[in-house]
Amino acid sequence: MQEQKKGPADSMTRLALCAVIAAAAVYAGEKLCEGKRWPLWDKYGPWILENKVQAIAILAAVLYGASLAIWPEEKGPIESTAAEGFEPCL
């Protein structure tokens, strides 16, 4: 059986998933919280409505960091690209 290689594609998939969840959360929060008199929405709601791209980016970064803390990336063995018999000077 072949080993599955983890690479930059897995990190990009994780980041894209976090961005999609963040965008959905911002738009859902806007629809659900608008008109409500919640203290956090009264404080941050106007900024979120004016700066949706920044709000999505911040939330995506927080989700990405949390996902790395909960499910760390698996580190595989480092593959050498050096020629056989070659030893670098240290």
C-alpha atoms as a PDB file:
ATOM      1  CA  MET A   1       0.000   0.000   0.000  1.00  0.00           C
ATOM      2  CA  GLN A   2       1.274   3.493  -0.804  1.00  0.00           C
ATOM      3  CA  GLU A   3       1.702   6.073   1.918  1.00  0.00           C
ATOM      4  CA  GLN A   4      -0.347   9.178   1.509  1.00  0.00           C
ATOM      5  CA  LYS A   5       1.878  12.248   1.312  1.00  0.00           C
ATOM      6  CA  LYS A   6       0.784  15.347   3.175  1.00  0.00           C
ATOM      7  CA  GLY A   7       1.767  18.486   1.416  1.00  0.00           C
ATOM      8  CA  PRO A   8       0.818  22.074   0.815  1.00  0.00           C
ATOM      9  CA  ALA A   9      -2.459  20.941  -0.750  1.00  0.00           C
ATOM     10  CA  ASP A  10      -3.690  19.705   2.636  1.00  0.00           C
ATOM     11  CA  SER A  11      -2.857  23.039   4.272  1.00  0.00           C
ATOM     12  CA  MET A  12      -4.595  24.914   1.469  1.00  0.00           C
ATOM     13  CA  THR A  13      -7.660  22.702   1.802  1.00  0.00           C
ATOM     14  CA  ARG A  14      -7.758  23.389   5.534  1.00  0.00           C
ATOM     15  CA  LEU A  15      -7.384  27.139   4.939  1.00  0.00           C
ATOM     16  CA  ALA A  16     -10.058  27.172   2.227  1.00  0.00           C
ATOM     17  CA  LEU A  17     -12.463  25.290   4.485  1.00  0.00           C
ATOM     18  CA  CYS A  18     -11.808  27.788   7.298  1.00  0.00           C
ATOM     19  CA  ALA A  19     -12.447  30.694   4.901  1.00  0.00           C
ATOM     20  CA  VAL A  20     -15.752  29.208   3.726  1.00  0.00           C
ATOM     21  CA  ILE A  21     -16.889  28.608   7.320  1.00  0.00           C
ATOM     22  CA  ALA A  22     -15.819  32.148   8.270  1.00  0.00           C
ATOM     23  CA  ALA A  23     -17.745  33.684   5.353  1.00  0.00           C
ATOM     24  CA  ALA A  24     -20.841  31.674   6.234  1.00  0.00           C
ATOM     25  CA  ALA A  25     -20.536  32.692   9.898  1.00  0.00           C
ATOM     26  CA  VAL A  26     -20.200  36.397   9.063  1.00  0.00           C
ATOM     27  CA  TYR A  27     -23.182  36.408   6.723  1.00  0.00           C
ATOM     28  CA  ALA A  28     -25.287  34.252   9.059  1.00  0.00           C
ATOM     29  CA  GLY A  29     -24.338  36.455  11.997  1.00  0.00           C
ATOM     30  CA  GLU A  30     -25.366  39.521  10.031  1.00  0.00           C
ATOM     31  CA  LYS A  31     -28.780  38.057   9.205  1.00  0.00           C
ATOM     32  CA  LEU A  32     -29.427  36.594  12.657  1.00  0.00           C
ATOM     33  CA  CYS A  33     -28.109  39.441  14.808  1.00  0.00           C
ATOM     34  CA  GLU A  34     -29.306  42.455  12.856  1.00  0.00           C
ATOM     35  CA  GLY A  35     -32.066  44.195  14.760  1.00  0.00           C
ATOM     36  CA  LYS A  36     -31.278  42.408  18.014  1.00  0.00           C
ATOM     37  CA  ARG A  37     -30.063  44.432  20.983  1.00  0.00           C
ATOM     38  CA  TRP A  38     -27.106  42.236  21.963  1.00  0.00           C
ATOM     39  CA  PRO A  39     -24.152  44.066  23.557  1.00  0.00           C
ATOM     40  CA  LEU A  40     -21.479  42.385  21.402  1.00  0.00           C
ATOM     41  CA  TRP A  41     -23.419  43.019  18.195  1.00  0.00           C
ATOM     42  CA  ASP A  42     -24.031  46.639  19.213  1.00  0.00           C
ATOM     43  CA  LYS A  43     -20.279  47.041  19.734  1.00  0.00           C
ATOM     44  CA  TYR A  44     -18.836  45.083  16.775  1.00  0.00           C
ATOM     45  CA  GLY A  45     -21.784  44.794  14.369  1.00  0.00           C
ATOM     46  CA  PRO A  46     -21.282  48.126  12.583  1.00  0.00           C
ATOM     47  CA  TRP A  47     -17.589  47.371  12.025  1.00  0.00           C
ATOM     48  CA  ILE A  48     -18.410  43.899  10.668  1.00  0.00           C
ATOM     49  CA  LEU A  49     -21.018  45.346   8.301  1.00  0.00           C
ATOM     50  CA  GLU A  50     -18.546  47.943   6.983  1.00  0.00           C
ATOM     51  CA  ASN A  51     -15.531  45.595   6.794  1.00  0.00           C
ATOM     52  CA  LYS A  52     -16.838  42.172   5.785  1.00  0.00           C
ATOM     53  CA  VAL A  53     -13.650  41.095   4.004  1.00  0.00           C
ATOM     54  CA  GLN A  54     -11.499  41.910   7.025  1.00  0.00           C
ATOM     55  CA  ALA A  55     -13.966  40.222   9.378  1.00  0.00           C
ATOM     56  CA  ILE A  56     -13.930  37.064   7.249  1.00  0.00           C
ATOM     57  CA  ALA A  57     -10.112  37.109   7.093  1.00  0.00           C
ATOM     58  CA  ILE A  58      -9.767  37.520  10.870  1.00  0.00           C
ATOM     59  CA  LEU A  59     -12.292  34.777  11.596  1.00  0.00           C
ATOM     60  CA  ALA A  60     -10.663  32.453   9.034  1.00  0.00           C
ATOM     61  CA  ALA A  61      -7.260  33.017  10.669  1.00  0.00           C
ATOM     62  CA  VAL A  62      -8.690  32.252  14.114  1.00  0.00           C
ATOM     63  CA  LEU A  63     -10.402  29.112  12.808  1.00  0.00           C
ATOM     64  CA  TYR A  64      -7.207  28.004  11.023  1.00  0.00           C
ATOM     65  CA  GLY A  65      -5.155  28.453  14.187  1.00  0.00           C
ATOM     66  CA  ALA A  66      -7.748  26.616  16.259  1.00  0.00           C
ATOM     67  CA  SER A  67      -7.867  23.755  13.762  1.00  0.00           C
ATOM     68  CA  LEU A  68      -4.073  23.427  13.919  1.00  0.00           C
ATOM     69  CA  ALA A  69      -4.210  23.400  17.719  1.00  0.00           C
ATOM     70  CA  ILE A  70      -6.926  20.733  17.794  1.00  0.00           C
ATOM     71  CA  TRP A  71      -5.733  18.636  14.828  1.00  0.00           C
ATOM     72  CA  PRO A  72      -2.008  19.267  14.247  1.00  0.00           C
ATOM     73  CA  GLU A  73      -0.516  18.493  10.862  1.00  0.00           C
ATOM     74  CA  GLU A  74       1.308  15.193  10.756  1.00  0.00           C
ATOM     75  CA  LYS A  75       4.989  15.572  10.073  1.00  0.00           C
ATOM     76  CA  GLY A  76       6.416  12.875   7.855  1.00  0.00           C
ATOM     77  CA  PRO A  77      10.057  11.952   7.358  1.00  0.00           C
ATOM     78  CA  ILE A  78      12.093  14.518   5.480  1.00  0.00           C
ATOM     79  CA  GLU A  79      13.031  13.261   2.057  1.00  0.00           C
ATOM     80  CA  SER A  80      16.575  14.061   1.027  1.00  0.00           C
ATOM     81  CA  THR A  81      17.156  15.467  -2.434  1.00  0.00           C
ATOM     82  CA  ALA A  82      20.929  15.166  -2.172  1.00  0.00           C
ATOM     83  CA  ALA A  83      22.819  12.716  -4.328  1.00  0.00           C
ATOM     84  CA  GLU A  84      23.859   9.431  -2.742  1.00  0.00           C
ATOM     85  CA  GLY A  85      27.235   9.533  -1.075  1.00  0.00           C
ATOM     86  CA  PHE A  86      27.176  13.329  -0.781  1.00  0.00           C
ATOM     87  CA  GLU A  87      27.499  14.775   2.707  1.00  0.00           C
ATOM     88  CA  PRO A  88      27.103  18.515   3.186  1.00  0.00           C
ATOM     89  CA  CYS A  89      29.711  20.479   5.131  1.00  0.00           C
ATOM     90  CA  LEU A  90      28.527  21.709   8.482  1.00  0.00           C
END
